[in-house]
C-alpha cells in the first residue's frame, strides 16, 4: 500500500505542477464539477473554495471526489472548528486571510496543508514558526513587488510566497521578479455567473502569463 504524501510534499508537488491557486469565492455546489473540470484541464492543481461561499463544504467534497489528484480545500478559514469541517469534507488545503495559531495547529494535527495570510515580517516568521507550509501575502494591493523582494531577502529561501488580491496576468511578472513563488487568483479568474468555458479561457491566460515569467 502506497503511503500518502506528507502535506509538505503534497504542496511541493502541486506547486511544481502549477503554483497558481484558484480561489472560487461564490461557487455553488451545482457549478463545482464544471468549473473544477475547466481548471484541472488547464493545468491547475490547487483549488480553494472560500467558506463564505454558498454550501462550500459540499463544493469541496464534490471537487475532491472528482479530482483526487488536485490539492483541494478551503479559503477564509478563521477558526479550528472550520478546519475540522473542511477535513471532514475531504479537503486537504487550508488557506486563511490572517495568521491564527489555532488554525495552523489544527490543520497540522489533521495532516492538512496550511497557508495563512500575512502582511508583515513579524507575521511571516510567526506563521513559519507555527508550522505553516506556505504564506499567503494578503492583500497584495498593499504588498507591492518591492515588499515581496524585501521579505524574500530575510525569509528562508524555500518559503512559498503567494501574493493574493488584485493579481492579473499583467502584473504577475513584476511579483515573480521580486521573488513570488506563485499566486492566488480570485475574481480575475472566477466570479459567480461566469461559465466554465469563460473560466477555462481565463485560466489558460493566467497559465500563459505565468509560463512567460518562468521563461523570462
C-alpha atoms as a PDB file:
ATOM      1  CA  UNK A   1       0.000   0.000   0.000  1.00  0.00           C
ATOM      2  CA  UNK A   2       1.441   3.348  -1.073  1.00  0.00           C
ATOM      3  CA  UNK A   3       1.866   5.858   1.748  1.00  0.00           C
ATOM      4  CA  UNK A   4       0.076   9.167   1.379  1.00  0.00           C
ATOM      5  CA  UNK A   5       2.367  12.123   0.698  1.00  0.00           C
ATOM      6  CA  UNK A   6       3.122  14.426   3.584  1.00  0.00           C
ATOM      7  CA  UNK A   7       1.401  17.826   3.479  1.00  0.00           C
ATOM      8  CA  UNK A   8       4.714  19.498   2.630  1.00  0.00           C
ATOM      9  CA  UNK A   9       5.399  17.103  -0.242  1.00  0.00           C
ATOM     10  CA  UNK A  10       1.812  17.383  -1.491  1.00  0.00           C
ATOM     11  CA  UNK A  11       2.159  21.162  -1.658  1.00  0.00           C
ATOM     12  CA  UNK A  12       5.569  20.902  -3.312  1.00  0.00           C
ATOM     13  CA  UNK A  13       4.156  18.571  -5.949  1.00  0.00           C
ATOM     14  CA  UNK A  14       1.198  20.847  -6.678  1.00  0.00           C
ATOM     15  CA  UNK A  15       3.428  23.922  -6.790  1.00  0.00           C
ATOM     16  CA  UNK A  16       5.792  22.162  -9.178  1.00  0.00           C
ATOM     17  CA  UNK A  17       2.875  21.423 -11.490  1.00  0.00           C
ATOM     18  CA  UNK A  18       1.486  24.980 -11.416  1.00  0.00           C
ATOM     19  CA  UNK A  19       1.859  27.351  -8.434  1.00  0.00           C
ATOM     20  CA  UNK A  20      -1.452  29.122  -9.014  1.00  0.00           C
ATOM     21  CA  UNK A  21      -4.298  28.761  -6.524  1.00  0.00           C
ATOM     22  CA  UNK A  22      -7.796  29.079  -7.971  1.00  0.00           C
ATOM     23  CA  UNK A  23      -9.939  30.978  -5.450  1.00  0.00           C
ATOM     24  CA  UNK A  24     -13.584  30.170  -6.196  1.00  0.00           C
ATOM     25  CA  UNK A  25     -15.413  32.652  -3.996  1.00  0.00           C
ATOM     26  CA  UNK A  26     -19.151  32.398  -4.544  1.00  0.00           C
ATOM     27  CA  UNK A  27     -19.009  28.977  -6.215  1.00  0.00           C
ATOM     28  CA  UNK A  28     -22.199  26.927  -5.920  1.00  0.00           C
ATOM     29  CA  UNK A  29     -22.354  23.181  -5.489  1.00  0.00           C
ATOM     30  CA  UNK A  30     -24.063  22.851  -8.870  1.00  0.00           C
ATOM     31  CA  UNK A  31     -21.252  24.733 -10.627  1.00  0.00           C
ATOM     32  CA  UNK A  32     -18.421  22.903  -8.916  1.00  0.00           C
ATOM     33  CA  UNK A  33     -17.982  19.937 -11.301  1.00  0.00           C
ATOM     34  CA  UNK A  34     -17.812  22.001 -14.500  1.00  0.00           C
ATOM     35  CA  UNK A  35     -15.641  24.732 -13.007  1.00  0.00           C
ATOM     36  CA  UNK A  36     -13.308  22.148 -11.480  1.00  0.00           C
ATOM     37  CA  UNK A  37     -13.013  20.361 -14.826  1.00  0.00           C
ATOM     38  CA  UNK A  38     -12.174  23.655 -16.560  1.00  0.00           C
ATOM     39  CA  UNK A  39      -9.414  24.424 -14.067  1.00  0.00           C
ATOM     40  CA  UNK A  40      -7.850  20.972 -13.902  1.00  0.00           C
ATOM     41  CA  UNK A  41      -7.865  20.625 -17.679  1.00  0.00           C
ATOM     42  CA  UNK A  42      -5.993  23.953 -17.809  1.00  0.00           C
ATOM     43  CA  UNK A  43      -3.270  22.606 -15.536  1.00  0.00           C
ATOM     44  CA  UNK A  44      -4.414  23.832 -12.112  1.00  0.00           C
ATOM     45  CA  UNK A  45      -3.534  21.630  -9.136  1.00  0.00           C
ATOM     46  CA  UNK A  46      -4.519  23.969  -6.270  1.00  0.00           C
ATOM     47  CA  UNK A  47      -8.191  24.861  -5.742  1.00  0.00           C
ATOM     48  CA  UNK A  48      -9.787  26.619  -2.787  1.00  0.00           C
ATOM     49  CA  UNK A  49     -13.437  27.330  -2.063  1.00  0.00           C
ATOM     50  CA  UNK A  50     -13.750  30.187   0.449  1.00  0.00           C
ATOM     51  CA  UNK A  51     -16.025  29.294   3.349  1.00  0.00           C
ATOM     52  CA  UNK A  52     -18.182  32.374   2.750  1.00  0.00           C
ATOM     53  CA  UNK A  53     -19.388  30.772  -0.492  1.00  0.00           C
ATOM     54  CA  UNK A  54     -22.778  29.007  -0.750  1.00  0.00           C
ATOM     55  CA  UNK A  55     -22.526  25.454   0.658  1.00  0.00           C
ATOM     56  CA  UNK A  56     -18.722  25.459   0.492  1.00  0.00           C
ATOM     57  CA  UNK A  57     -18.247  22.082   2.157  1.00  0.00           C
ATOM     58  CA  UNK A  58     -20.446  20.375  -0.442  1.00  0.00           C
ATOM     59  CA  UNK A  59     -18.448  22.002  -3.216  1.00  0.00           C
ATOM     60  CA  UNK A  60     -15.172  20.929  -1.613  1.00  0.00           C
ATOM     61  CA  UNK A  61     -16.436  17.358  -1.281  1.00  0.00           C
ATOM     62  CA  UNK A  62     -17.533  17.302  -4.920  1.00  0.00           C
ATOM     63  CA  UNK A  63     -14.238  18.738  -6.197  1.00  0.00           C
ATOM     64  CA  UNK A  64     -12.152  16.386  -4.064  1.00  0.00           C
ATOM     65  CA  UNK A  65     -14.104  13.356  -5.266  1.00  0.00           C
ATOM     66  CA  UNK A  66     -13.905  14.415  -8.908  1.00  0.00           C
ATOM     67  CA  UNK A  67     -10.252  15.478  -8.857  1.00  0.00           C
ATOM     68  CA  UNK A  68      -8.442  13.484  -6.156  1.00  0.00           C
ATOM     69  CA  UNK A  69      -5.091  14.330  -7.731  1.00  0.00           C
ATOM     70  CA  UNK A  70      -5.623  18.055  -7.084  1.00  0.00           C
ATOM     71  CA  UNK A  71      -4.983  19.767  -3.759  1.00  0.00           C
ATOM     72  CA  UNK A  72      -8.488  20.981  -2.915  1.00  0.00           C
ATOM     73  CA  UNK A  73      -9.595  22.780   0.211  1.00  0.00           C
ATOM     74  CA  UNK A  74     -10.996  25.936   1.721  1.00  0.00           C
ATOM     75  CA  UNK A  75     -10.171  29.600   1.936  1.00  0.00           C
ATOM     76  CA  UNK A  76     -11.281  32.171   4.519  1.00  0.00           C
ATOM     77  CA  UNK A  77     -10.734  29.586   7.267  1.00  0.00           C
ATOM     78  CA  UNK A  78     -10.910  31.537  10.512  1.00  0.00           C
ATOM     79  CA  UNK A  79     -11.024  29.020  13.369  1.00  0.00           C
ATOM     80  CA  UNK A  80     -10.089  25.485  14.334  1.00  0.00           C
ATOM     81  CA  UNK A  81     -13.645  24.160  14.087  1.00  0.00           C
ATOM     82  CA  UNK A  82     -13.795  25.189  10.447  1.00  0.00           C
ATOM     83  CA  UNK A  83     -10.546  23.304   9.817  1.00  0.00           C
ATOM     84  CA  UNK A  84     -12.194  20.149  11.185  1.00  0.00           C
ATOM     85  CA  UNK A  85     -15.223  20.672   8.945  1.00  0.00           C
ATOM     86  CA  UNK A  86     -13.073  21.123   5.849  1.00  0.00           C
ATOM     87  CA  UNK A  87     -11.145  17.964   6.701  1.00  0.00           C
ATOM     88  CA  UNK A  88     -14.383  16.023   7.181  1.00  0.00           C
ATOM     89  CA  UNK A  89     -15.484  17.172   3.706  1.00  0.00           C
ATOM     90  CA  UNK A  90     -12.307  15.716   2.220  1.00  0.00           C
ATOM     91  CA  UNK A  91     -10.374  18.970   1.874  1.00  0.00           C
ATOM     92  CA  UNK A  92      -6.594  18.850   2.216  1.00  0.00           C
ATOM     93  CA  UNK A  93      -5.825  22.568   1.931  1.00  0.00           C
ATOM     94  CA  UNK A  94      -6.473  25.349   4.465  1.00  0.00           C
ATOM     95  CA  UNK A  95      -5.963  28.979   3.451  1.00  0.00           C
ATOM     96  CA  UNK A  96      -6.681  31.952   5.701  1.00  0.00           C
ATOM     97  CA  UNK A  97      -6.667  35.735   5.245  1.00  0.00           C
ATOM     98  CA  UNK A  98      -4.802  36.034   8.549  1.00  0.00           C
ATOM     99  CA  UNK A  99      -2.435  34.111  10.812  1.00  0.00           C
ATOM    100  CA  UNK A 100      -4.299  32.312  13.588  1.00  0.00           C
ATOM    101  CA  UNK A 101      -2.055  29.880  15.503  1.00  0.00           C
ATOM    102  CA  UNK A 102      -5.059  27.694  16.375  1.00  0.00           C
ATOM    103  CA  UNK A 103      -5.948  27.262  12.700  1.00  0.00           C
ATOM    104  CA  UNK A 104      -2.387  26.270  11.811  1.00  0.00           C
ATOM    105  CA  UNK A 105      -2.142  23.865  14.737  1.00  0.00           C
ATOM    106  CA  UNK A 106      -5.437  22.155  13.882  1.00  0.00           C
ATOM    107  CA  UNK A 107      -4.502  21.802  10.223  1.00  0.00           C
ATOM    108  CA  UNK A 108      -1.152  20.266  11.140  1.00  0.00           C
ATOM    109  CA  UNK A 109      -2.847  17.873  13.561  1.00  0.00           C
ATOM    110  CA  UNK A 110      -5.086  16.655  10.744  1.00  0.00           C
ATOM    111  CA  UNK A 111      -2.292  16.351   8.203  1.00  0.00           C
ATOM    112  CA  UNK A 112      -3.506  19.216   6.022  1.00  0.00           C
ATOM    113  CA  UNK A 113      -1.598  21.803   4.007  1.00  0.00           C
ATOM    114  CA  UNK A 114      -1.954  25.212   5.654  1.00  0.00           C
ATOM    115  CA  UNK A 115      -1.161  28.637   4.223  1.00  0.00           C
ATOM    116  CA  UNK A 116      -2.097  31.556   6.492  1.00  0.00           C
ATOM    117  CA  UNK A 117      -2.307  35.132   5.344  1.00  0.00           C
ATOM    118  CA  UNK A 118       0.462  37.513   6.411  1.00  0.00           C
ATOM    119  CA  UNK A 119       1.388  41.092   5.600  1.00  0.00           C
ATOM    120  CA  UNK A 120       4.473  41.780   7.730  1.00  0.00           C
ATOM    121  CA  UNK A 121       7.798  40.092   8.546  1.00  0.00           C
ATOM    122  CA  UNK A 122       6.618  39.554  12.122  1.00  0.00           C
ATOM    123  CA  UNK A 123       3.522  37.682  10.954  1.00  0.00           C
ATOM    124  CA  UNK A 124       5.516  35.754   8.363  1.00  0.00           C
ATOM    125  CA  UNK A 125       8.110  34.454  10.807  1.00  0.00           C
ATOM    126  CA  UNK A 126       5.452  33.668  13.432  1.00  0.00           C
ATOM    127  CA  UNK A 127       3.451  31.661  10.889  1.00  0.00           C
ATOM    128  CA  UNK A 128       6.516  29.712   9.771  1.00  0.00           C
ATOM    129  CA  UNK A 129       7.491  29.027  13.383  1.00  0.00           C
ATOM    130  CA  UNK A 130       3.979  27.654  13.943  1.00  0.00           C
ATOM    131  CA  UNK A 131       4.464  25.212  11.064  1.00  0.00           C
ATOM    132  CA  UNK A 132       2.822  26.903   8.074  1.00  0.00           C
ATOM    133  CA  UNK A 133       3.717  25.239   4.778  1.00  0.00           C
ATOM    134  CA  UNK A 134       3.493  28.446   2.754  1.00  0.00           C
ATOM    135  CA  UNK A 135       2.499  32.088   3.135  1.00  0.00           C
ATOM    136  CA  UNK A 136      -0.355  33.948   1.505  1.00  0.00           C
ATOM    137  CA  UNK A 137       0.780  37.573   1.091  1.00  0.00           C
ATOM    138  CA  UNK A 138      -2.500  39.406   1.553  1.00  0.00           C
ATOM    139  CA  UNK A 139      -3.763  41.783   0.417  1.00  0.00           C
ATOM    140  CA  UNK A 140      -1.359  42.089  -2.485  1.00  0.00           C
ATOM    141  CA  UNK A 141      -2.763  45.526  -3.296  1.00  0.00           C
ATOM    142  CA  UNK A 142      -0.796  46.788  -0.279  1.00  0.00           C
ATOM    143  CA  UNK A 143       2.120  44.352  -0.640  1.00  0.00           C
ATOM    144  CA  UNK A 144       3.973  45.675  -3.656  1.00  0.00           C
ATOM    145  CA  UNK A 145       6.720  43.777  -5.514  1.00  0.00           C
ATOM    146  CA  UNK A 146       9.311  45.789  -3.576  1.00  0.00           C
ATOM    147  CA  UNK A 147       7.816  44.435  -0.348  1.00  0.00           C
ATOM    148  CA  UNK A 148       7.956  40.881  -1.663  1.00  0.00           C
ATOM    149  CA  UNK A 149      11.623  41.411  -2.545  1.00  0.00           C
ATOM    150  CA  UNK A 150      12.349  42.624   0.991  1.00  0.00           C
ATOM    151  CA  UNK A 151      10.530  39.640   2.538  1.00  0.00           C
ATOM    152  CA  UNK A 152      12.315  37.211   0.241  1.00  0.00           C
ATOM    153  CA  UNK A 153      15.653  38.629   1.391  1.00  0.00           C
ATOM    154  CA  UNK A 154      15.051  37.679   5.030  1.00  0.00           C
ATOM    155  CA  UNK A 155      12.760  34.631   4.914  1.00  0.00           C
ATOM    156  CA  UNK A 156      14.079  31.099   4.313  1.00  0.00           C
ATOM    157  CA  UNK A 157      14.675  30.733   0.584  1.00  0.00           C
ATOM    158  CA  UNK A 158      12.449  27.653   0.403  1.00  0.00           C
ATOM    159  CA  UNK A 159       9.411  29.544   1.747  1.00  0.00           C
ATOM    160  CA  UNK A 160       6.486  29.549  -0.670  1.00  0.00           C
ATOM    161  CA  UNK A 161       5.283  33.164  -1.038  1.00  0.00           C
ATOM    162  CA  UNK A 162       1.974  33.647  -2.838  1.00  0.00           C
ATOM    163  CA  UNK A 163       0.615  37.181  -3.299  1.00  0.00           C
ATOM    164  CA  UNK A 164      -3.181  37.246  -3.303  1.00  0.00           C
ATOM    165  CA  UNK A 165      -5.501  40.129  -4.120  1.00  0.00           C
ATOM    166  CA  UNK A 166      -5.726  42.008  -7.387  1.00  0.00           C
ATOM    167  CA  UNK A 167      -3.428  39.616  -9.268  1.00  0.00           C
ATOM    168  CA  UNK A 168      -3.894  39.650 -13.054  1.00  0.00           C
ATOM    169  CA  UNK A 169      -1.884  38.233 -15.970  1.00  0.00           C
ATOM    170  CA  UNK A 170      -0.446  41.725 -16.454  1.00  0.00           C
ATOM    171  CA  UNK A 171       1.119  42.187 -13.009  1.00  0.00           C
ATOM    172  CA  UNK A 172       2.453  38.692 -12.357  1.00  0.00           C
ATOM    173  CA  UNK A 173       5.869  39.305 -13.939  1.00  0.00           C
ATOM    174  CA  UNK A 174       6.833  42.087 -11.511  1.00  0.00           C
ATOM    175  CA  UNK A 175       5.930  39.965  -8.494  1.00  0.00           C
ATOM    176  CA  UNK A 176       7.766  36.956  -9.897  1.00  0.00           C
ATOM    177  CA  UNK A 177      10.883  39.044 -10.496  1.00  0.00           C
ATOM    178  CA  UNK A 178      10.675  40.158  -6.865  1.00  0.00           C
ATOM    179  CA  UNK A 179      10.600  36.557  -5.608  1.00  0.00           C
ATOM    180  CA  UNK A 180       6.960  35.428  -5.536  1.00  0.00           C
ATOM    181  CA  UNK A 181       6.671  31.643  -5.771  1.00  0.00           C
ATOM    182  CA  UNK A 182       3.149  31.675  -7.161  1.00  0.00           C
ATOM    183  CA  UNK A 183      -0.195  33.407  -6.788  1.00  0.00           C
ATOM    184  CA  UNK A 184      -3.736  33.136  -5.515  1.00  0.00           C
ATOM    185  CA  UNK A 185      -6.209  34.132  -8.202  1.00  0.00           C
ATOM    186  CA  UNK A 186      -9.614  35.500  -7.317  1.00  0.00           C
ATOM    187  CA  UNK A 187     -12.188  37.411  -9.325  1.00  0.00           C
ATOM    188  CA  UNK A 188      -9.870  37.859 -12.302  1.00  0.00           C
ATOM    189  CA  UNK A 189     -10.183  34.080 -12.744  1.00  0.00           C
ATOM    190  CA  UNK A 190     -13.612  33.146 -11.368  1.00  0.00           C
ATOM    191  CA  UNK A 191     -16.665  35.155 -10.423  1.00  0.00           C
ATOM    192  CA  UNK A 192     -20.217  33.958  -9.769  1.00  0.00           C
ATOM    193  CA  UNK A 193     -22.120  33.506 -13.004  1.00  0.00           C
ATOM    194  CA  UNK A 194     -19.015  33.024 -15.128  1.00  0.00           C
ATOM    195  CA  UNK A 195     -19.345  29.950 -17.336  1.00  0.00           C
ATOM    196  CA  UNK A 196     -16.925  27.041 -17.274  1.00  0.00           C
ATOM    197  CA  UNK A 197     -15.790  27.984 -20.775  1.00  0.00           C
ATOM    198  CA  UNK A 198     -15.064  31.550 -19.670  1.00  0.00           C
ATOM    199  CA  UNK A 199     -13.185  30.291 -16.623  1.00  0.00           C
ATOM    200  CA  UNK A 200     -11.132  27.961 -18.816  1.00  0.00           C
ATOM    201  CA  UNK A 201     -10.195  30.840 -21.111  1.00  0.00           C
ATOM    202  CA  UNK A 202      -9.116  32.980 -18.156  1.00  0.00           C
ATOM    203  CA  UNK A 203      -7.274  30.056 -16.579  1.00  0.00           C
ATOM    204  CA  UNK A 204      -5.286  29.470 -19.753  1.00  0.00           C
ATOM    205  CA  UNK A 205      -4.445  33.181 -19.932  1.00  0.00           C
ATOM    206  CA  UNK A 206      -3.039  33.009 -16.397  1.00  0.00           C
ATOM    207  CA  UNK A 207      -1.088  29.849 -17.233  1.00  0.00           C
ATOM    208  CA  UNK A 208       0.461  31.513 -20.292  1.00  0.00           C
ATOM    209  CA  UNK A 209       1.352  34.612 -18.274  1.00  0.00           C
ATOM    210  CA  UNK A 210       2.953  32.526 -15.536  1.00  0.00           C
ATOM    211  CA  UNK A 211       4.899  30.403 -18.008  1.00  0.00           C
ATOM    212  CA  UNK A 212       6.224  33.587 -19.568  1.00  0.00           C
ATOM    213  CA  UNK A 213       7.686  34.596 -16.191  1.00  0.00           C
ATOM    214  CA  UNK A 214       9.458  31.247 -15.981  1.00  0.00           C
ATOM    215  CA  UNK A 215      10.921  31.591 -19.464  1.00  0.00           C
ATOM    216  CA  UNK A 216      11.990  35.207 -18.934  1.00  0.00           C
END
